[in-house]
Amino acid sequence: MMSTPQNYTEFWDFYVQEHSLPMTRGLHFAGTSLGIILLIFFIARGQWYFFPVFFIIGYGFAWFAHFVVEKNKPASFKYPLWSFISDFKMMWYMLTGRMGREVERVQSKGAY
């Protein structure tokens, strides 16, 4: 396994491998989606001070998935910005039906 990604492209491959199980990706999707819905709800109600709930819900689901399902350490601990960006990229790939192919592509490289 690569010890330190040198750029976002390398990080993305690492991120995909760390999210290889469908249940992990599903829990990420559910947590981030619920967090976004709550964020919109709180902003619409003028309760902007509840903004941190977005992160608590999103990361709660994600960290549970990593520790219990995938049995690895969340990439957000070491790479918070790239992980945050990648959560949304993964969601987009899931919505467009491309995430399965991404997992196959990275696993076929065998680098992780």
Protein backbone atom coordinates (compact mmCIF):
# COMPACT_ATOMS: atom_id res chain seq x y z
CA MET A 1 0.00 0.00 0.00
CA MET A 2 1.16 3.50 -0.78
CA SER A 3 2.18 5.24 2.45
CA THR A 4 1.41 8.82 1.43
CA PRO A 5 -0.58 9.90 -1.62
CA GLN A 6 1.34 12.57 -3.52
CA ASN A 7 -1.69 14.06 -5.28
CA TYR A 8 -5.45 13.81 -5.38
CA THR A 9 -5.44 11.16 -8.13
CA GLU A 10 -3.39 8.83 -5.92
CA PHE A 11 -5.57 9.68 -2.94
CA TRP A 12 -8.75 8.89 -4.87
CA ASP A 13 -7.51 5.37 -5.63
CA PHE A 14 -6.65 4.91 -1.94
CA TYR A 15 -10.08 6.28 -0.96
CA VAL A 16 -11.88 3.93 -3.34
CA GLN A 17 -10.04 0.93 -1.92
CA GLU A 18 -10.92 2.01 1.61
CA HIS A 19 -14.60 2.05 0.52
CA SER A 20 -14.62 -1.26 -1.33
CA LEU A 21 -17.64 -2.78 0.45
CA PRO A 22 -21.11 -1.76 -0.74
CA MET A 23 -22.38 -1.39 2.85
CA THR A 24 -19.63 1.12 3.63
CA ARG A 25 -20.55 3.18 0.59
CA GLY A 26 -24.25 2.92 1.44
CA LEU A 27 -23.72 4.16 4.99
CA HIS A 28 -21.60 7.04 3.70
CA PHE A 29 -24.33 7.93 1.23
CA ALA A 30 -27.05 7.75 3.89
CA GLY A 31 -25.12 9.83 6.42
CA THR A 32 -24.08 12.52 3.98
CA SER A 33 -27.56 12.71 2.46
CA LEU A 34 -29.23 13.00 5.86
CA GLY A 35 -26.67 15.59 6.91
CA ILE A 36 -27.37 17.68 3.80
CA ILE A 37 -31.13 17.45 4.34
CA LEU A 38 -30.74 18.60 7.95
CA LEU A 39 -28.37 21.38 6.90
CA ILE A 40 -30.89 22.70 4.37
CA PHE A 41 -33.70 22.38 6.92
CA PHE A 42 -31.81 24.31 9.60
CA ILE A 43 -30.71 27.03 7.19
CA ALA A 44 -34.28 27.39 5.88
CA ARG A 45 -35.51 27.81 9.45
CA GLY A 46 -32.81 30.34 10.25
CA GLN A 47 -31.16 27.98 12.71
CA TRP A 48 -27.69 28.22 11.13
CA TYR A 49 -26.10 27.47 14.51
CA PHE A 50 -27.08 23.81 14.00
CA PHE A 51 -24.59 23.65 11.09
CA PRO A 52 -22.29 21.23 13.01
CA VAL A 53 -25.07 18.62 12.97
CA PHE A 54 -24.25 18.14 9.25
CA PHE A 55 -20.77 16.93 10.18
CA ILE A 56 -21.86 14.88 13.19
CA ILE A 57 -24.45 12.93 11.18
CA GLY A 58 -22.30 12.53 8.08
CA TYR A 59 -19.16 11.46 9.87
CA GLY A 60 -21.07 9.36 12.40
CA PHE A 61 -22.45 7.10 9.68
CA ALA A 62 -19.11 7.05 7.86
CA TRP A 63 -16.99 6.23 10.90
CA PHE A 64 -19.39 3.49 11.94
CA ALA A 65 -19.03 2.02 8.46
CA HIS A 66 -15.25 2.08 8.66
CA PHE A 67 -14.86 0.68 12.15
CA VAL A 68 -17.65 -1.92 12.01
CA VAL A 69 -18.16 -2.84 8.34
CA GLU A 70 -14.91 -2.13 6.49
CA LYS A 71 -12.74 -2.59 9.61
CA ASN A 72 -10.26 0.14 8.68
CA LYS A 73 -9.38 3.63 9.89
CA PRO A 74 -11.26 6.49 8.21
CA ALA A 75 -9.15 8.44 5.73
CA SER A 76 -10.65 11.64 7.18
CA PHE A 77 -8.37 11.26 10.21
CA LYS A 78 -5.26 11.82 8.08
CA TYR A 79 -6.65 13.56 4.97
CA PRO A 80 -9.71 15.57 6.07
CA LEU A 81 -10.06 17.86 3.05
CA TRP A 82 -9.45 15.23 0.37
CA SER A 83 -11.79 12.85 2.23
CA PHE A 84 -14.55 15.45 2.45
CA ILE A 85 -14.27 16.15 -1.29
CA SER A 86 -14.15 12.43 -2.06
CA ASP A 87 -17.33 11.74 -0.08
CA PHE A 88 -19.23 13.92 -2.53
CA LYS A 89 -17.39 12.52 -5.54
CA MET A 90 -18.27 9.00 -4.38
CA MET A 91 -21.91 10.01 -3.94
CA TRP A 92 -21.96 11.38 -7.49
CA TYR A 93 -20.38 8.19 -8.83
CA MET A 94 -22.97 6.14 -6.94
CA LEU A 95 -25.84 8.22 -8.31
CA THR A 96 -24.50 7.91 -11.86
CA GLY A 97 -23.79 4.17 -11.58
CA ARG A 98 -20.01 4.47 -11.91
CA MET A 99 -18.80 3.60 -8.41
CA GLY A 100 -18.77 -0.16 -8.93
CA ARG A 101 -16.53 0.26 -11.96
CA GLU A 102 -14.22 2.53 -9.96
CA VAL A 103 -13.86 -0.13 -7.25
CA GLU A 104 -13.10 -2.77 -9.91
CA ARG A 105 -10.56 -0.47 -11.60
CA VAL A 106 -8.67 0.20 -8.37
CA GLN A 107 -8.77 -3.40 -7.20
CA SER A 108 -7.47 -4.60 -10.57
CA LYS A 109 -4.38 -2.40 -10.11
CA GLY A 110 -3.56 -4.41 -7.00
CA ALA A 111 -1.63 -1.53 -5.47
CA TYR A 112 -3.67 -1.45 -2.30
